[in-house]
Amino acid sequence: MAIMRLFSSLISIVKGFSRLSSPRNRNYHWDVPKGHLAVYVGEEKKRRFVVPISYLEQPLFQNLLHESEEEFGFDHPMGGLTLTCQEDVFNKLTSILHSL
């Protein structure tokens, strides 16, 4: 149930990105390709990564999302999705997901 709530929240975030590309927000730097989403990773200094939306279906990534939900709820201070893990762990996770 919590995964479904988190997934629907992520869908809302992704839909919100399309509003950012409207003509009134032309000064927004749009570098997230279709089918991807931006996430912020890191414990102190947050680094921005762009990942495929297909990662949302992967159990490893869902576990990370669940941990982030517990820490941040749905209030993301960076304006995007913030994940609670170290960069090197995130890089290992994404390389595993990329090879699947």
N, C-alpha and C. Protein backbone atom coordinates (compact mmCIF):
# COMPACT_ATOMS: atom_id res chain seq x y z
N MET A 1 0.82 -1.20 0.00
CA MET A 1 0.00 0.00 0.00
C MET A 1 0.87 1.27 0.00
N ALA A 2 1.92 1.26 0.82
CA ALA A 2 2.81 2.42 0.88
C ALA A 2 3.54 2.61 -0.45
N ILE A 3 3.89 1.50 -1.10
CA ILE A 3 4.57 1.58 -2.40
C ILE A 3 3.64 2.23 -3.42
N MET A 4 2.37 1.88 -3.40
CA MET A 4 1.41 2.47 -4.35
C MET A 4 1.26 3.96 -4.08
N ARG A 5 1.24 4.35 -2.81
CA ARG A 5 1.13 5.77 -2.47
C ARG A 5 2.37 6.52 -2.93
N LEU A 6 3.53 5.91 -2.73
CA LEU A 6 4.78 6.51 -3.16
C LEU A 6 4.82 6.60 -4.68
N PHE A 7 4.39 5.54 -5.37
CA PHE A 7 4.39 5.53 -6.83
C PHE A 7 3.47 6.62 -7.37
N SER A 8 2.27 6.79 -6.78
CA SER A 8 1.36 7.83 -7.25
C SER A 8 1.93 9.22 -6.97
N SER A 9 2.66 9.37 -5.88
CA SER A 9 3.31 10.64 -5.59
C SER A 9 4.39 10.94 -6.62
N LEU A 10 5.14 9.91 -7.00
CA LEU A 10 6.18 10.09 -8.02
C LEU A 10 5.57 10.48 -9.36
N ILE A 11 4.43 9.89 -9.68
CA ILE A 11 3.74 10.24 -10.92
C ILE A 11 3.36 11.72 -10.88
N SER A 12 2.90 12.20 -9.73
CA SER A 12 2.55 13.62 -9.60
C SER A 12 3.77 14.51 -9.78
N ILE A 13 4.90 14.09 -9.24
CA ILE A 13 6.14 14.86 -9.39
C ILE A 13 6.53 14.93 -10.86
N VAL A 14 6.47 13.78 -11.55
CA VAL A 14 6.83 13.74 -12.96
C VAL A 14 5.89 14.62 -13.78
N LYS A 15 4.60 14.57 -13.48
CA LYS A 15 3.64 15.42 -14.19
C LYS A 15 3.92 16.89 -13.92
N GLY A 16 4.38 17.19 -12.70
CA GLY A 16 4.73 18.57 -12.36
C GLY A 16 5.89 19.09 -13.19
N PHE A 17 6.80 18.19 -13.58
CA PHE A 17 7.92 18.61 -14.42
C PHE A 17 7.43 19.16 -15.74
N SER A 18 6.35 18.61 -16.29
CA SER A 18 5.86 19.10 -17.58
C SER A 18 5.34 20.52 -17.45
N ARG A 19 4.81 20.88 -16.29
CA ARG A 19 4.35 22.26 -16.09
C ARG A 19 5.53 23.23 -16.06
N LEU A 20 6.70 22.75 -15.61
CA LEU A 20 7.87 23.60 -15.56
C LEU A 20 8.37 24.00 -16.94
N SER A 21 8.02 23.22 -17.95
CA SER A 21 8.49 23.52 -19.29
C SER A 21 7.55 24.44 -20.05
N SER A 22 6.53 24.93 -19.39
CA SER A 22 5.58 25.82 -20.06
C SER A 22 6.27 27.13 -20.42
N PRO A 23 5.70 27.89 -21.37
CA PRO A 23 6.32 29.14 -21.82
C PRO A 23 6.61 30.13 -20.69
N ARG A 24 5.82 30.15 -19.65
CA ARG A 24 6.06 31.11 -18.57
C ARG A 24 7.29 30.76 -17.75
N ASN A 25 7.80 29.55 -17.88
CA ASN A 25 8.98 29.13 -17.13
C ASN A 25 10.17 28.86 -18.05
N ARG A 26 10.37 29.66 -19.05
CA ARG A 26 11.43 29.41 -20.02
C ARG A 26 12.82 29.52 -19.43
N ASN A 27 12.98 30.18 -18.30
CA ASN A 27 14.31 30.29 -17.71
C ASN A 27 14.69 29.04 -16.93
N TYR A 28 13.81 28.08 -16.80
CA TYR A 28 14.11 26.82 -16.12
C TYR A 28 14.98 25.97 -17.04
N HIS A 29 16.10 25.48 -16.53
CA HIS A 29 17.02 24.67 -17.33
C HIS A 29 16.45 23.27 -17.44
N TRP A 30 16.02 22.91 -18.64
CA TRP A 30 15.34 21.63 -18.86
C TRP A 30 16.35 20.64 -19.44
N ASP A 31 16.84 19.71 -18.63
CA ASP A 31 17.82 18.75 -19.13
C ASP A 31 17.44 17.31 -18.79
N VAL A 32 16.19 17.07 -18.47
CA VAL A 32 15.74 15.73 -18.16
C VAL A 32 15.00 15.19 -19.39
N PRO A 33 15.58 14.20 -20.06
CA PRO A 33 14.91 13.68 -21.25
C PRO A 33 13.62 12.94 -20.91
N LYS A 34 12.78 12.84 -21.90
CA LYS A 34 11.52 12.12 -21.73
C LYS A 34 11.82 10.69 -21.30
N GLY A 35 11.05 10.19 -20.33
CA GLY A 35 11.25 8.84 -19.82
C GLY A 35 12.26 8.75 -18.69
N HIS A 36 12.69 9.89 -18.17
CA HIS A 36 13.67 9.94 -17.09
C HIS A 36 13.17 10.87 -15.98
N LEU A 37 13.82 10.81 -14.83
CA LEU A 37 13.53 11.75 -13.76
C LEU A 37 14.82 12.11 -13.05
N ALA A 38 14.83 13.30 -12.47
CA ALA A 38 16.00 13.76 -11.73
C ALA A 38 15.85 13.40 -10.26
N VAL A 39 16.94 12.92 -9.67
CA VAL A 39 16.97 12.62 -8.24
C VAL A 39 18.22 13.26 -7.65
N TYR A 40 18.14 13.60 -6.38
CA TYR A 40 19.28 14.16 -5.65
C TYR A 40 19.78 13.12 -4.67
N VAL A 41 21.08 12.88 -4.69
CA VAL A 41 21.69 11.81 -3.91
C VAL A 41 22.87 12.37 -3.12
N GLY A 42 23.02 11.88 -1.92
CA GLY A 42 24.16 12.27 -1.09
C GLY A 42 23.70 12.58 0.31
N GLU A 43 24.61 12.43 1.25
CA GLU A 43 24.24 12.66 2.64
C GLU A 43 24.39 14.11 3.04
N GLU A 44 25.47 14.75 2.64
CA GLU A 44 25.66 16.16 2.97
C GLU A 44 25.44 17.03 1.75
N LYS A 45 26.32 16.88 0.77
CA LYS A 45 26.17 17.63 -0.47
C LYS A 45 25.36 16.78 -1.45
N LYS A 46 24.24 17.28 -1.87
CA LYS A 46 23.37 16.54 -2.77
C LYS A 46 23.83 16.71 -4.21
N ARG A 47 23.97 15.61 -4.91
CA ARG A 47 24.34 15.63 -6.32
C ARG A 47 23.16 15.16 -7.15
N ARG A 48 22.94 15.81 -8.27
CA ARG A 48 21.78 15.51 -9.11
C ARG A 48 22.13 14.44 -10.14
N PHE A 49 21.25 13.43 -10.24
CA PHE A 49 21.38 12.37 -11.22
C PHE A 49 20.08 12.29 -12.02
N VAL A 50 20.19 11.88 -13.26
CA VAL A 50 19.02 11.66 -14.10
C VAL A 50 18.95 10.16 -14.37
N VAL A 51 17.83 9.53 -13.99
CA VAL A 51 17.68 8.08 -14.12
C VAL A 51 16.43 7.75 -14.93
N PRO A 52 16.43 6.59 -15.58
CA PRO A 52 15.23 6.18 -16.33
C PRO A 52 14.06 5.91 -15.39
N ILE A 53 12.87 6.25 -15.84
CA ILE A 53 11.67 5.99 -15.04
C ILE A 53 11.48 4.50 -14.81
N SER A 54 12.00 3.66 -15.69
CA SER A 54 11.87 2.21 -15.53
C SER A 54 12.47 1.72 -14.22
N TYR A 55 13.39 2.48 -13.62
CA TYR A 55 13.95 2.09 -12.33
C TYR A 55 12.89 2.04 -11.24
N LEU A 56 11.81 2.78 -11.41
CA LEU A 56 10.75 2.81 -10.40
C LEU A 56 10.10 1.45 -10.21
N GLU A 57 10.21 0.58 -11.21
CA GLU A 57 9.62 -0.76 -11.13
C GLU A 57 10.53 -1.77 -10.43
N GLN A 58 11.78 -1.42 -10.24
CA GLN A 58 12.76 -2.35 -9.68
C GLN A 58 12.70 -2.38 -8.16
N PRO A 59 12.64 -3.59 -7.56
CA PRO A 59 12.57 -3.70 -6.09
C PRO A 59 13.71 -3.00 -5.36
N LEU A 60 14.93 -3.06 -5.89
CA LEU A 60 16.06 -2.39 -5.22
C LEU A 60 15.83 -0.88 -5.15
N PHE A 61 15.36 -0.31 -6.23
CA PHE A 61 15.11 1.13 -6.27
C PHE A 61 13.91 1.48 -5.39
N GLN A 62 12.89 0.61 -5.38
CA GLN A 62 11.73 0.84 -4.53
C GLN A 62 12.11 0.84 -3.05
N ASN A 63 13.04 -0.02 -2.66
CA ASN A 63 13.51 -0.02 -1.27
C ASN A 63 14.17 1.31 -0.92
N LEU A 64 14.96 1.82 -1.84
CA LEU A 64 15.61 3.11 -1.63
C LEU A 64 14.56 4.22 -1.53
N LEU A 65 13.54 4.17 -2.36
CA LEU A 65 12.46 5.16 -2.31
C LEU A 65 11.72 5.09 -0.98
N HIS A 66 11.50 3.88 -0.50
CA HIS A 66 10.80 3.71 0.78
C HIS A 66 11.61 4.30 1.93
N GLU A 67 12.92 4.05 1.94
CA GLU A 67 13.79 4.63 2.98
C GLU A 67 13.76 6.15 2.91
N SER A 68 13.77 6.69 1.71
CA SER A 68 13.74 8.14 1.54
C SER A 68 12.40 8.72 1.99
N GLU A 69 11.33 7.99 1.74
CA GLU A 69 10.01 8.44 2.19
C GLU A 69 9.98 8.52 3.71
N GLU A 70 10.58 7.54 4.38
CA GLU A 70 10.60 7.54 5.84
C GLU A 70 11.39 8.73 6.39
N GLU A 71 12.48 9.11 5.71
CA GLU A 71 13.30 10.20 6.20
C GLU A 71 12.75 11.57 5.82
N PHE A 72 12.34 11.73 4.57
CA PHE A 72 11.93 13.05 4.08
C PHE A 72 10.42 13.20 3.92
N GLY A 73 9.67 12.10 3.97
CA GLY A 73 8.24 12.19 3.64
C GLY A 73 8.12 12.59 2.18
N PHE A 74 7.18 13.46 1.90
CA PHE A 74 7.01 13.92 0.52
C PHE A 74 7.43 15.37 0.37
N ASP A 75 8.15 15.89 1.34
CA ASP A 75 8.68 17.25 1.30
C ASP A 75 10.15 17.16 0.93
N HIS A 76 10.47 17.47 -0.32
CA HIS A 76 11.83 17.33 -0.79
C HIS A 76 12.48 18.71 -0.87
N PRO A 77 13.44 18.99 0.02
CA PRO A 77 14.03 20.32 0.13
C PRO A 77 14.76 20.78 -1.13
N MET A 78 15.18 19.87 -1.99
CA MET A 78 15.91 20.24 -3.20
C MET A 78 14.96 20.58 -4.34
N GLY A 79 13.67 20.40 -4.14
CA GLY A 79 12.71 20.67 -5.20
C GLY A 79 12.49 19.47 -6.10
N GLY A 80 13.23 18.43 -5.90
CA GLY A 80 13.10 17.19 -6.66
C GLY A 80 13.12 16.03 -5.69
N LEU A 81 13.20 14.86 -6.20
CA LEU A 81 13.20 13.66 -5.37
C LEU A 81 14.58 13.49 -4.73
N THR A 82 14.63 13.45 -3.40
CA THR A 82 15.88 13.31 -2.67
C THR A 82 15.98 11.90 -2.11
N LEU A 83 17.07 11.22 -2.43
CA LEU A 83 17.28 9.84 -1.98
C LEU A 83 18.34 9.80 -0.89
N THR A 84 18.08 8.97 0.11
CA THR A 84 18.98 8.89 1.26
C THR A 84 19.98 7.76 1.08
N CYS A 85 21.09 8.06 0.44
CA CYS A 85 22.18 7.11 0.37
C CYS A 85 23.43 7.83 -0.10
N GLN A 86 24.55 7.19 0.07
CA GLN A 86 25.81 7.77 -0.38
C GLN A 86 25.91 7.63 -1.90
N GLU A 87 26.66 8.54 -2.51
CA GLU A 87 26.80 8.52 -3.97
C GLU A 87 27.36 7.21 -4.49
N ASP A 88 28.38 6.67 -3.83
CA ASP A 88 28.98 5.43 -4.31
C ASP A 88 28.00 4.26 -4.26
N VAL A 89 27.16 4.23 -3.23
CA VAL A 89 26.13 3.19 -3.13
C VAL A 89 25.11 3.36 -4.25
N PHE A 90 24.71 4.61 -4.51
CA PHE A 90 23.75 4.87 -5.58
C PHE A 90 24.34 4.48 -6.93
N ASN A 91 25.62 4.79 -7.16
CA ASN A 91 26.27 4.41 -8.42
C ASN A 91 26.31 2.90 -8.60
N LYS A 92 26.58 2.16 -7.52
CA LYS A 92 26.57 0.70 -7.60
C LYS A 92 25.17 0.18 -7.90
N LEU A 93 24.17 0.76 -7.24
CA LEU A 93 22.79 0.36 -7.46
C LEU A 93 22.37 0.59 -8.91
N THR A 94 22.68 1.77 -9.43
CA THR A 94 22.28 2.06 -10.81
C THR A 94 23.04 1.20 -11.82
N SER A 95 24.28 0.84 -11.52
CA SER A 95 25.00 -0.04 -12.45
C SER A 95 24.39 -1.44 -12.43
N ILE A 96 23.93 -1.89 -11.28
CA ILE A 96 23.22 -3.19 -11.19
C ILE A 96 21.92 -3.11 -11.98
N LEU A 97 21.16 -2.04 -11.77
CA LEU A 97 19.87 -1.90 -12.47
C LEU A 97 20.08 -1.74 -13.98
N HIS A 98 21.14 -1.10 -14.37
CA HIS A 98 21.43 -0.91 -15.80
C HIS A 98 21.75 -2.26 -16.48
N SER A 99 22.36 -3.17 -15.72
CA SER A 99 22.74 -4.45 -16.31
C SER A 99 21.58 -5.45 -16.37
N LEU A 100 20.45 -5.15 -15.71
CA LEU A 100 19.31 -6.08 -15.72
C LEU A 100 18.59 -6.06 -17.04
